[in-house]
Amino acid sequence: MDRQSIHVNQKTQAELERDLKDDVIADREMCDTENYYWMEAFMERVERLRQERQNDSGEYTQKKLAEKAGIGLSTYKDYLSGNSDNIKLKTAINIAHALRCKLSDLIGDGMIDRTR
């Protein structure tokens, strides 16, 4: 019998558990992907604004911005490179304040999933 024609109620417990596990893994991977894209867009905005500020005053290097935000330069670079997408809200707010803007200026439209 073709596997696709089996109804859910005809699946074995092991098959149901495997499907559930696959769904959890897929959900986790989707969440990780969403976090990555969110962080990428956030850091692109941060860098664009930082560079504008750097051009205007010369005092907004990555190192100085990281210090003002209360994080290490290596952490800032991890956020920028995508090696870390686990930024705390307080850190994101500190980055915004260090850039003399609101967090909403860096998040922008479409970056918040209002359905969750």
Protein backbone atom coordinates (compact mmCIF):
# COMPACT_ATOMS: atom_id res chain seq x y z
CA MET A 1 0.00 0.00 0.00
CA ASP A 2 1.24 3.48 -0.86
CA ARG A 3 2.47 5.24 2.26
CA GLN A 4 0.74 8.51 1.33
CA SER A 5 -2.66 6.80 1.25
CA ILE A 6 -2.42 5.66 4.89
CA HIS A 7 -4.75 7.67 7.08
CA VAL A 8 -3.48 9.17 10.31
CA ASN A 9 -5.54 6.76 12.40
CA GLN A 10 -3.82 3.85 10.66
CA LYS A 11 -0.29 4.96 11.55
CA THR A 12 1.59 3.14 14.24
CA GLN A 13 2.49 4.91 17.46
CA ALA A 14 6.16 4.95 16.37
CA GLU A 15 5.23 6.64 13.08
CA LEU A 16 3.13 9.24 14.89
CA GLU A 17 5.96 9.96 17.34
CA ARG A 18 8.45 10.28 14.46
CA ASP A 19 6.12 12.70 12.65
CA LEU A 20 5.74 14.74 15.82
CA LYS A 21 9.51 14.82 16.30
CA ASP A 22 9.98 15.89 12.67
CA ASP A 23 7.42 18.67 13.17
CA VAL A 24 9.25 19.91 16.28
CA ILE A 25 12.58 19.86 14.46
CA ALA A 26 11.10 21.68 11.45
CA ASP A 27 9.48 24.26 13.74
CA ARG A 28 12.77 24.83 15.57
CA GLU A 29 14.63 25.19 12.25
CA MET A 30 12.04 27.69 10.99
CA CYS A 31 12.36 29.68 14.21
CA ASP A 32 16.16 29.66 13.92
CA THR A 33 15.89 30.85 10.31
CA GLU A 34 13.50 33.64 11.30
CA ASN A 35 15.86 34.71 14.09
CA TYR A 36 18.78 34.74 11.67
CA TYR A 37 16.96 36.95 9.14
CA TRP A 38 15.66 39.24 11.88
CA MET A 39 19.14 39.66 13.31
CA GLU A 40 20.66 40.18 9.88
CA ALA A 41 18.19 42.98 9.08
CA PHE A 42 18.63 44.52 12.53
CA MET A 43 22.42 44.57 12.29
CA GLU A 44 22.31 45.94 8.71
CA ARG A 45 20.34 48.90 10.05
CA VAL A 46 22.69 49.27 13.01
CA GLU A 47 25.75 49.28 10.76
CA ARG A 48 24.22 51.69 8.27
CA LEU A 49 23.38 54.15 11.06
CA ARG A 50 26.75 53.60 12.75
CA GLN A 51 28.57 54.38 9.50
CA GLU A 52 26.50 57.52 9.00
CA ARG A 53 27.36 58.62 12.52
CA GLN A 54 31.02 57.69 11.95
CA ASN A 55 31.16 59.81 8.81
CA ASP A 56 29.56 62.74 10.64
CA SER A 57 31.66 62.70 13.81
CA GLY A 58 34.41 60.12 13.55
CA GLU A 59 33.53 58.73 16.98
CA TYR A 60 31.38 55.75 16.03
CA THR A 61 33.76 52.92 15.32
CA GLN A 62 32.48 49.42 15.92
CA LYS A 63 34.61 49.26 19.05
CA LYS A 64 33.24 52.52 20.46
CA LEU A 65 29.66 51.55 19.67
CA ALA A 66 30.13 48.17 21.36
CA GLU A 67 31.60 49.87 24.44
CA LYS A 68 28.72 52.37 24.59
CA ALA A 69 26.26 49.48 24.30
CA GLY A 70 27.98 47.57 27.09
CA ILE A 71 29.15 44.61 24.99
CA GLY A 72 32.52 43.44 23.75
CA LEU A 73 33.72 44.10 20.24
CA SER A 74 33.84 40.35 19.56
CA THR A 75 30.18 40.03 20.59
CA TYR A 76 29.24 42.92 18.32
CA LYS A 77 31.13 41.28 15.44
CA ASP A 78 29.42 37.95 16.16
CA TYR A 79 26.05 39.68 15.83
CA LEU A 80 27.20 41.37 12.64
CA SER A 81 28.57 38.22 11.02
CA GLY A 82 25.60 36.06 11.97
CA ASN A 83 27.64 33.85 14.28
CA SER A 84 25.19 34.82 17.02
CA ASP A 85 21.53 35.65 16.63
CA ASN A 86 20.80 35.53 20.34
CA ILE A 87 20.68 39.20 21.28
CA LYS A 88 19.04 40.27 24.51
CA LEU A 89 16.41 42.97 24.36
CA LYS A 90 18.43 45.08 26.78
CA THR A 91 21.46 44.85 24.48
CA ALA A 92 19.39 45.86 21.44
CA ILE A 93 18.03 48.84 23.40
CA ASN A 94 21.56 49.76 24.51
CA ILE A 95 22.75 49.68 20.90
CA ALA A 96 19.88 51.96 19.90
CA HIS A 97 20.68 54.38 22.72
CA ALA A 98 24.37 54.35 21.83
CA LEU A 99 23.35 55.37 18.30
CA ARG A 100 21.06 58.07 19.72
CA CYS A 101 17.92 56.54 18.27
CA LYS A 102 14.93 54.46 19.34
CA LEU A 103 14.86 50.71 19.07
CA SER A 104 11.91 51.05 16.70
CA ASP A 105 14.19 52.95 14.30
CA LEU A 106 16.39 49.85 14.05
CA ILE A 107 13.65 47.26 13.99
CA GLY A 108 11.55 48.83 11.28
CA ASP A 109 8.33 47.67 9.71
CA GLY A 110 7.87 44.01 9.02
CA MET A 111 10.51 42.81 11.46
CA ILE A 112 8.02 42.07 14.23
CA ASP A 113 5.76 39.06 13.81
CA ARG A 114 2.55 40.30 15.40
CA THR A 115 0.82 36.94 14.92
CA ARG A 116 2.72 35.27 17.77
